[in-house]
Amino acid sequence: MRFPRMDTCIAMVALEEAGLPADHPALVKAAEWILTKQVLGKGDWQIKNKDAEPGGWAFEFRNDFYPTWMTPRSS
């Protein structure tokens, strides 16, 4: 099974830890891509977390209703 969104982030971390500068074109392009995949819509996860704003990633491409990798959104 492939998880392109999560795999991209893991690769980005590995490249930075290997010494690639954060402003390297490959990392910038990867960051731009992953940001376009962020799920900002509401989902059933809000039943138990009513006050949180949406902001996360689904592991798979067609799973936006259940983003399983959530991050806090900054204001």
Foldseek 3Di string as FASTA:
>chain_A
DAQVLVVLVVVLVVCVVVPDDCPPPVNVVSVVVSVVQWQQDEAPVCVVVVPAGGTAHQRDNPPSRCHPGGDGDDD
